[in-house]
Amino acid sequence: MFNLKVSGMTCGGCIDALTRAVQAQDPRASVRADLVTQMVSLETSLSPELAAQLISDAGFPVSN
């Protein structure tokens, strides 16, 4: 499990979009997002770098 700081999430639709982006590469991934803190927790076989890239590609910038 790891956490990423993700900008631009404003609603459940945003969470659904980034979840779909991650699960397209790892269908078994678990994605939990907090709109207030803008943090995403992932349980996935993907590397943090790949997950961050997939989320960024979906339109949600990932920062350190």
C-alpha atoms as a PDB file:
ATOM      1  CA  MET A   1       0.000   0.000   0.000  1.00  0.00           C
ATOM      2  CA  PHE A   2       1.178   3.523  -0.730  1.00  0.00           C
ATOM      3  CA  ASN A   3      -0.230   7.048  -0.761  1.00  0.00           C
ATOM      4  CA  LEU A   4      -0.089   9.756  -3.407  1.00  0.00           C
ATOM      5  CA  LYS A   5      -0.911  13.461  -3.178  1.00  0.00           C
ATOM      6  CA  VAL A   6      -3.308  14.111  -6.062  1.00  0.00           C
ATOM      7  CA  SER A   7      -4.544  17.568  -7.079  1.00  0.00           C
ATOM      8  CA  GLY A   8      -7.791  18.467  -8.774  1.00  0.00           C
ATOM      9  CA  MET A   9     -10.172  15.944  -7.231  1.00  0.00           C
ATOM     10  CA  THR A  10     -13.480  17.681  -6.503  1.00  0.00           C
ATOM     11  CA  CYS A  11     -16.167  14.988  -6.571  1.00  0.00           C
ATOM     12  CA  GLY A  12     -17.007  11.326  -6.733  1.00  0.00           C
ATOM     13  CA  GLY A  13     -16.717  11.440 -10.516  1.00  0.00           C
ATOM     14  CA  CYS A  14     -13.074  12.433 -10.161  1.00  0.00           C
ATOM     15  CA  ILE A  15     -12.459   9.494  -7.847  1.00  0.00           C
ATOM     16  CA  ASP A  16     -14.198   7.162 -10.302  1.00  0.00           C
ATOM     17  CA  ALA A  17     -12.037   8.455 -13.175  1.00  0.00           C
ATOM     18  CA  LEU A  18      -8.733   7.937 -11.401  1.00  0.00           C
ATOM     19  CA  THR A  19      -9.885   4.558 -10.086  1.00  0.00           C
ATOM     20  CA  ARG A  20     -10.702   3.451 -13.649  1.00  0.00           C
ATOM     21  CA  ALA A  21      -7.282   4.665 -14.813  1.00  0.00           C
ATOM     22  CA  VAL A  22      -5.485   2.524 -12.226  1.00  0.00           C
ATOM     23  CA  GLN A  23      -7.775  -0.486 -12.574  1.00  0.00           C
ATOM     24  CA  ALA A  24      -7.299  -0.505 -16.358  1.00  0.00           C
ATOM     25  CA  GLN A  25      -3.747  -1.723 -15.636  1.00  0.00           C
ATOM     26  CA  ASP A  26      -4.478  -3.611 -12.389  1.00  0.00           C
ATOM     27  CA  PRO A  27      -8.137  -4.704 -12.177  1.00  0.00           C
ATOM     28  CA  ARG A  28      -7.619  -5.924  -8.605  1.00  0.00           C
ATOM     29  CA  ALA A  29      -6.324  -2.571  -7.341  1.00  0.00           C
ATOM     30  CA  SER A  30      -8.028  -0.925  -4.388  1.00  0.00           C
ATOM     31  CA  VAL A  31      -8.197   2.866  -4.582  1.00  0.00           C
ATOM     32  CA  ARG A  32      -9.343   5.107  -1.729  1.00  0.00           C
ATOM     33  CA  ALA A  33      -9.377   8.869  -2.117  1.00  0.00           C
ATOM     34  CA  ASP A  34      -9.983  11.703   0.331  1.00  0.00           C
ATOM     35  CA  LEU A  35     -11.283  14.857  -1.353  1.00  0.00           C
ATOM     36  CA  VAL A  36     -10.443  17.054   1.649  1.00  0.00           C
ATOM     37  CA  THR A  37      -6.784  16.068   1.992  1.00  0.00           C
ATOM     38  CA  GLN A  38      -6.355  15.281  -1.739  1.00  0.00           C
ATOM     39  CA  MET A  39      -4.649  11.999  -0.787  1.00  0.00           C
ATOM     40  CA  VAL A  40      -5.120   8.698  -2.592  1.00  0.00           C
ATOM     41  CA  SER A  41      -4.282   5.350  -0.956  1.00  0.00           C
ATOM     42  CA  LEU A  42      -3.617   2.467  -3.300  1.00  0.00           C
ATOM     43  CA  GLU A  43      -3.265  -1.266  -2.820  1.00  0.00           C
ATOM     44  CA  THR A  44      -1.941  -2.453  -6.154  1.00  0.00           C
ATOM     45  CA  SER A  45       0.732  -4.523  -7.826  1.00  0.00           C
ATOM     46  CA  LEU A  46       1.715  -1.426  -9.853  1.00  0.00           C
ATOM     47  CA  SER A  47       4.755   0.601  -8.892  1.00  0.00           C
ATOM     48  CA  PRO A  48       4.082   3.978  -7.273  1.00  0.00           C
ATOM     49  CA  GLU A  49       5.672   5.632 -10.316  1.00  0.00           C
ATOM     50  CA  LEU A  50       3.392   3.866 -12.797  1.00  0.00           C
ATOM     51  CA  ALA A  51       0.285   4.502 -10.691  1.00  0.00           C
ATOM     52  CA  ALA A  52       1.226   8.192 -10.456  1.00  0.00           C
ATOM     53  CA  GLN A  53       1.697   8.352 -14.231  1.00  0.00           C
ATOM     54  CA  LEU A  54      -1.674   6.710 -14.889  1.00  0.00           C
ATOM     55  CA  ILE A  55      -3.427   9.126 -12.525  1.00  0.00           C
ATOM     56  CA  SER A  56      -1.627  12.103 -14.077  1.00  0.00           C
ATOM     57  CA  ASP A  57      -2.578  10.889 -17.564  1.00  0.00           C
ATOM     58  CA  ALA A  58      -6.215  10.811 -16.394  1.00  0.00           C
ATOM     59  CA  GLY A  59      -5.949  14.537 -15.663  1.00  0.00           C
ATOM     60  CA  PHE A  60      -5.097  14.603 -11.984  1.00  0.00           C
ATOM     61  CA  PRO A  61      -1.592  15.926 -11.219  1.00  0.00           C
ATOM     62  CA  VAL A  62       0.384  13.929  -8.666  1.00  0.00           C
ATOM     63  CA  SER A  63       2.886  15.718  -6.440  1.00  0.00           C
ATOM     64  CA  ASN A  64       5.321  14.661  -3.734  1.00  0.00           C
END
